[in-house]
Structure formats: C-alpha cells, structure tokens
Amino acid sequence: MTYQRKLSRSQNQVIASVAEYLDWDIALVLILYLIISIFRAAFPEIIVYIHTNSSL
C-alpha cells in the first residue's frame, strides 16, 4: 500500500490559479510549491545552526 498525500481543494485551486496566471504548467507550480515548503520548514533550524556555530 502506497502513501499518497492529497492537497486540499483550496490548495489545488490556488496552485491552478497561479499556474494559469503565469501561463505555466501546473506541475511546475506544484514543484515550486513543494520546494518553498521544504525551505520554509528548514529555515528556523538553519538560523539556529548559524547562530550557535558563529565565532563572533
């Protein structure tokens, strides 16, 4: 059995609207959305790591 995360209807509508507005493929907008989500989640840890390992 495979796990598949489904986006909510509102997320699908936003991604489709952005793709239509930019005249891009929906798959490209979805990939960008996933990349931004990953970096947004990792950003606080990166700041803490830089702060704790700085030699000021």
N, C-alpha and C. Protein backbone atom coordinates (compact mmCIF):
# COMPACT_ATOMS: atom_id res chain seq x y z
N MET A 1 0.85 -1.18 0.00
CA MET A 1 0.00 0.00 0.00
C MET A 1 0.89 1.24 0.00
N THR A 2 0.66 2.12 -0.92
CA THR A 2 1.47 3.33 -1.01
C THR A 2 0.76 4.50 -0.35
N TYR A 3 1.56 5.39 0.20
CA TYR A 3 1.03 6.58 0.85
C TYR A 3 1.03 7.72 -0.16
N GLN A 4 -0.07 8.37 -0.29
CA GLN A 4 -0.17 9.50 -1.21
C GLN A 4 -0.85 10.65 -0.49
N ARG A 5 -0.13 11.74 -0.36
CA ARG A 5 -0.69 12.93 0.28
C ARG A 5 -1.52 13.69 -0.74
N LYS A 6 -2.72 14.00 -0.36
CA LYS A 6 -3.59 14.76 -1.25
C LYS A 6 -3.68 16.19 -0.75
N LEU A 7 -3.57 17.12 -1.66
CA LEU A 7 -3.72 18.52 -1.30
C LEU A 7 -5.19 18.83 -1.10
N SER A 8 -5.47 19.79 -0.28
CA SER A 8 -6.85 20.18 -0.08
C SER A 8 -7.37 20.88 -1.33
N ARG A 9 -8.66 20.99 -1.41
CA ARG A 9 -9.28 21.62 -2.58
C ARG A 9 -8.81 23.06 -2.75
N SER A 10 -8.66 23.79 -1.64
CA SER A 10 -8.24 25.19 -1.73
C SER A 10 -6.79 25.29 -2.21
N GLN A 11 -5.92 24.36 -1.77
CA GLN A 11 -4.54 24.37 -2.26
C GLN A 11 -4.50 24.08 -3.75
N ASN A 12 -5.31 23.14 -4.19
CA ASN A 12 -5.37 22.83 -5.62
C ASN A 12 -5.84 24.04 -6.42
N GLN A 13 -6.82 24.74 -5.90
CA GLN A 13 -7.34 25.91 -6.61
C GLN A 13 -6.30 27.03 -6.68
N VAL A 14 -5.56 27.22 -5.60
CA VAL A 14 -4.53 28.27 -5.60
C VAL A 14 -3.42 27.91 -6.58
N ILE A 15 -2.96 26.67 -6.55
CA ILE A 15 -1.89 26.24 -7.46
C ILE A 15 -2.35 26.36 -8.91
N ALA A 16 -3.57 25.95 -9.18
CA ALA A 16 -4.10 26.04 -10.55
C ALA A 16 -4.24 27.50 -10.98
N SER A 17 -4.67 28.36 -10.07
CA SER A 17 -4.82 29.78 -10.40
C SER A 17 -3.48 30.45 -10.68
N VAL A 18 -2.48 30.13 -9.86
CA VAL A 18 -1.15 30.69 -10.08
C VAL A 18 -0.58 30.21 -11.41
N ALA A 19 -0.75 28.94 -11.70
CA ALA A 19 -0.26 28.39 -12.97
C ALA A 19 -0.96 29.05 -14.15
N GLU A 20 -2.25 29.26 -14.03
CA GLU A 20 -2.99 29.91 -15.11
C GLU A 20 -2.56 31.36 -15.28
N TYR A 21 -2.38 32.07 -14.16
CA TYR A 21 -1.98 33.47 -14.21
C TYR A 21 -0.61 33.64 -14.85
N LEU A 22 0.33 32.77 -14.48
CA LEU A 22 1.69 32.85 -15.01
C LEU A 22 1.84 32.15 -16.36
N ASP A 23 0.79 31.45 -16.78
CA ASP A 23 0.80 30.67 -18.02
C ASP A 23 1.89 29.61 -17.97
N TRP A 24 1.98 28.94 -16.81
CA TRP A 24 2.94 27.87 -16.59
C TRP A 24 2.19 26.55 -16.46
N ASP A 25 2.93 25.46 -16.54
CA ASP A 25 2.36 24.14 -16.32
C ASP A 25 2.06 23.97 -14.83
N ILE A 26 0.97 23.30 -14.51
CA ILE A 26 0.58 23.10 -13.12
C ILE A 26 1.64 22.28 -12.37
N ALA A 27 2.26 21.33 -13.04
CA ALA A 27 3.29 20.50 -12.40
C ALA A 27 4.47 21.36 -11.95
N LEU A 28 4.86 22.33 -12.75
CA LEU A 28 5.96 23.22 -12.39
C LEU A 28 5.62 24.04 -11.16
N VAL A 29 4.42 24.57 -11.10
CA VAL A 29 3.99 25.35 -9.94
C VAL A 29 3.92 24.47 -8.70
N LEU A 30 3.48 23.24 -8.85
CA LEU A 30 3.42 22.32 -7.73
C LEU A 30 4.82 21.99 -7.21
N ILE A 31 5.76 21.78 -8.09
CA ILE A 31 7.15 21.52 -7.68
C ILE A 31 7.73 22.73 -6.95
N LEU A 32 7.48 23.92 -7.46
CA LEU A 32 7.95 25.13 -6.77
C LEU A 32 7.30 25.26 -5.39
N TYR A 33 6.04 24.93 -5.30
CA TYR A 33 5.33 24.97 -4.02
C TYR A 33 5.97 24.01 -3.02
N LEU A 34 6.30 22.82 -3.47
CA LEU A 34 6.93 21.84 -2.58
C LEU A 34 8.32 22.28 -2.13
N ILE A 35 9.10 22.84 -3.05
CA ILE A 35 10.44 23.32 -2.71
C ILE A 35 10.37 24.46 -1.70
N ILE A 36 9.47 25.40 -1.93
CA ILE A 36 9.30 26.52 -0.99
C ILE A 36 8.86 26.01 0.37
N SER A 37 7.97 25.03 0.40
CA SER A 37 7.50 24.46 1.67
C SER A 37 8.64 23.82 2.44
N ILE A 38 9.51 23.10 1.74
CA ILE A 38 10.64 22.44 2.40
C ILE A 38 11.59 23.47 2.98
N PHE A 39 11.94 24.50 2.21
CA PHE A 39 12.87 25.52 2.70
C PHE A 39 12.25 26.36 3.81
N ARG A 40 10.96 26.60 3.74
CA ARG A 40 10.30 27.36 4.78
C ARG A 40 10.32 26.60 6.09
N ALA A 41 10.20 25.29 6.04
CA ALA A 41 10.21 24.49 7.26
C ALA A 41 11.62 24.39 7.83
N ALA A 42 12.64 24.39 6.98
CA ALA A 42 14.02 24.24 7.44
C ALA A 42 14.66 25.56 7.84
N PHE A 43 14.08 26.68 7.48
CA PHE A 43 14.70 27.98 7.70
C PHE A 43 15.02 28.27 9.17
N PRO A 44 14.12 28.04 10.13
CA PRO A 44 14.47 28.32 11.53
C PRO A 44 15.66 27.51 12.03
N GLU A 45 15.74 26.24 11.63
CA GLU A 45 16.87 25.42 12.06
C GLU A 45 18.18 25.93 11.48
N ILE A 46 18.15 26.43 10.27
CA ILE A 46 19.36 26.98 9.65
C ILE A 46 19.84 28.20 10.42
N ILE A 47 18.93 29.06 10.83
CA ILE A 47 19.29 30.26 11.59
C ILE A 47 19.90 29.86 12.94
N VAL A 48 19.30 28.91 13.62
CA VAL A 48 19.82 28.46 14.90
C VAL A 48 21.20 27.85 14.71
N TYR A 49 21.38 27.05 13.70
CA TYR A 49 22.69 26.43 13.44
C TYR A 49 23.76 27.48 13.18
N ILE A 50 23.45 28.47 12.37
CA ILE A 50 24.43 29.53 12.08
C ILE A 50 24.75 30.32 13.34
N HIS A 51 23.72 30.61 14.13
CA HIS A 51 23.92 31.40 15.34
C HIS A 51 24.77 30.66 16.38
N THR A 52 24.51 29.37 16.54
CA THR A 52 25.25 28.62 17.56
C THR A 52 26.67 28.29 17.13
N ASN A 53 26.92 28.28 15.84
CA ASN A 53 28.25 27.93 15.36
C ASN A 53 29.05 29.14 14.89
N SER A 54 28.54 30.32 15.14
CA SER A 54 29.28 31.52 14.73
C SER A 54 30.38 31.80 15.77
N SER A 55 31.47 32.33 15.30
CA SER A 55 32.60 32.61 16.19
C SER A 55 32.80 34.11 16.36
N LEU A 56 31.72 34.79 16.70
CA LEU A 56 31.82 36.25 16.93
C LEU A 56 32.18 36.56 18.34
